[in-house]
Amino acid sequence: MRRGAIEYCVLALLRSKEMYGFELTRLLSEADGLVTSEGTLYPLLSRLRRDGLVDTFWKESTQGPPRRYYRITPDGVAVLEAFSAQWKRFTSTVNSILEASHNA
């Protein structure tokens, strides 16, 4: 379940600001270990880019070589909003069942 939700977490992070890969990896690993390495994240970012949900650009860095930054596209925003609505319904339903079975 975690694996399927990571791409939407990436899109949600990119909705707030443009980021480079290592920055995304760090934030996701701090969020209860959603992603543990860049090797997990970069294939996902490549797929999101191929699917037109993110695009990239290079930006000079004050600490080394230029970095590839990722930003969410309008299609990515639409996919994220659709997932968010489905996620809310899903978690509400699961929580209702869990609470009902706990109180039974």
Protein backbone atom coordinates (compact mmCIF):
# COMPACT_ATOMS: atom_id res chain seq x y z
CA MET A 1 0.00 0.00 0.00
CA ARG A 2 2.86 2.35 0.85
CA ARG A 3 4.46 1.74 -2.52
CA GLY A 4 1.33 2.77 -4.40
CA ALA A 5 0.94 5.98 -2.44
CA ILE A 6 4.53 7.24 -2.75
CA GLU A 7 4.02 8.75 -6.20
CA TYR A 8 1.14 10.82 -4.86
CA CYS A 9 3.25 11.92 -1.90
CA VAL A 10 5.90 13.08 -4.38
CA LEU A 11 3.29 15.00 -6.37
CA ALA A 12 1.96 16.56 -3.14
CA LEU A 13 5.45 17.70 -2.13
CA LEU A 14 6.04 19.16 -5.58
CA ARG A 15 2.71 21.00 -5.42
CA SER A 16 4.18 23.20 -2.69
CA LYS A 17 7.53 23.89 -4.41
CA GLU A 18 10.04 22.70 -7.00
CA MET A 19 12.61 20.28 -5.57
CA TYR A 20 15.59 18.21 -6.62
CA GLY A 21 15.78 14.45 -6.14
CA PHE A 22 17.89 14.31 -2.99
CA GLU A 23 15.62 16.86 -1.31
CA LEU A 24 12.57 14.72 -2.12
CA THR A 25 14.33 11.59 -0.86
CA ARG A 26 15.22 13.30 2.42
CA LEU A 27 11.67 14.54 3.03
CA LEU A 28 10.12 11.17 2.21
CA SER A 29 12.59 9.27 4.39
CA GLU A 30 11.83 11.62 7.29
CA ALA A 31 8.10 10.91 6.81
CA ASP A 32 8.23 7.54 8.60
CA GLY A 33 10.58 6.06 6.03
CA LEU A 34 8.33 6.26 2.96
CA VAL A 35 11.42 6.20 0.72
CA THR A 36 14.74 4.93 1.94
CA SER A 37 17.07 5.74 -0.98
CA GLU A 38 17.49 7.76 -4.12
CA GLY A 39 17.57 4.44 -6.00
CA THR A 40 13.93 4.02 -5.07
CA LEU A 41 12.91 7.54 -6.00
CA TYR A 42 14.64 8.22 -9.32
CA PRO A 43 12.85 5.48 -11.30
CA LEU A 44 9.56 6.85 -9.94
CA LEU A 45 10.49 10.40 -10.97
CA SER A 46 11.41 9.17 -14.45
CA ARG A 47 8.04 7.47 -14.80
CA LEU A 48 6.19 10.57 -13.56
CA ARG A 49 8.08 12.62 -16.14
CA ARG A 50 7.31 10.15 -18.96
CA ASP A 51 3.63 10.24 -17.93
CA GLY A 52 3.64 14.05 -18.10
CA LEU A 53 2.89 14.51 -14.39
CA VAL A 54 6.17 16.30 -13.63
CA ASP A 55 8.70 18.13 -15.71
CA THR A 56 12.31 18.99 -15.00
CA PHE A 57 14.80 21.78 -15.38
CA TRP A 58 18.42 22.33 -14.44
CA LYS A 59 19.40 24.91 -11.86
CA GLU A 60 22.87 26.03 -10.82
CA SER A 61 23.85 25.07 -7.30
CA THR A 62 25.99 27.06 -4.90
CA GLN A 63 27.30 23.74 -3.55
CA GLY A 64 28.52 21.78 -6.57
CA PRO A 65 27.24 20.90 -10.02
CA PRO A 66 23.85 21.97 -11.39
CA ARG A 67 20.86 20.06 -10.02
CA ARG A 68 17.86 18.66 -11.86
CA TYR A 69 14.73 20.09 -10.29
CA TYR A 70 11.25 18.60 -10.59
CA ARG A 71 7.96 20.47 -10.71
CA ILE A 72 4.40 19.26 -10.96
CA THR A 73 2.53 19.85 -14.23
CA PRO A 74 -1.16 20.76 -14.60
CA ASP A 75 -1.83 17.08 -15.44
CA GLY A 76 0.02 16.11 -12.26
CA VAL A 77 -2.16 18.46 -10.21
CA ALA A 78 -5.31 16.94 -11.72
CA VAL A 79 -4.10 13.38 -10.97
CA LEU A 80 -3.18 14.38 -7.42
CA GLU A 81 -6.59 15.98 -6.81
CA ALA A 82 -8.39 12.87 -8.10
CA PHE A 83 -6.25 10.61 -5.90
CA SER A 84 -6.80 12.86 -2.89
CA ALA A 85 -10.59 12.59 -3.24
CA GLN A 86 -10.39 8.80 -3.62
CA TRP A 87 -7.99 8.55 -0.68
CA LYS A 88 -10.34 10.48 1.61
CA ARG A 89 -13.24 8.18 0.74
CA PHE A 90 -11.06 5.08 1.11
CA THR A 91 -9.60 6.02 4.50
CA SER A 92 -13.00 7.09 5.79
CA THR A 93 -14.49 3.74 4.83
CA VAL A 94 -11.61 1.75 6.31
CA ASN A 95 -11.69 3.79 9.53
CA SER A 96 -15.44 3.19 9.85
CA ILE A 97 -14.98 -0.55 9.49
CA LEU A 98 -12.08 -0.64 11.91
CA GLU A 99 -13.96 1.36 14.51
CA ALA A 100 -17.14 -0.69 14.09
CA SER A 101 -15.28 -3.97 14.44
CA HIS A 102 -13.38 -2.66 17.48
CA ASN A 103 -16.60 -1.61 19.23
CA ALA A 104 -18.46 -4.84 18.42
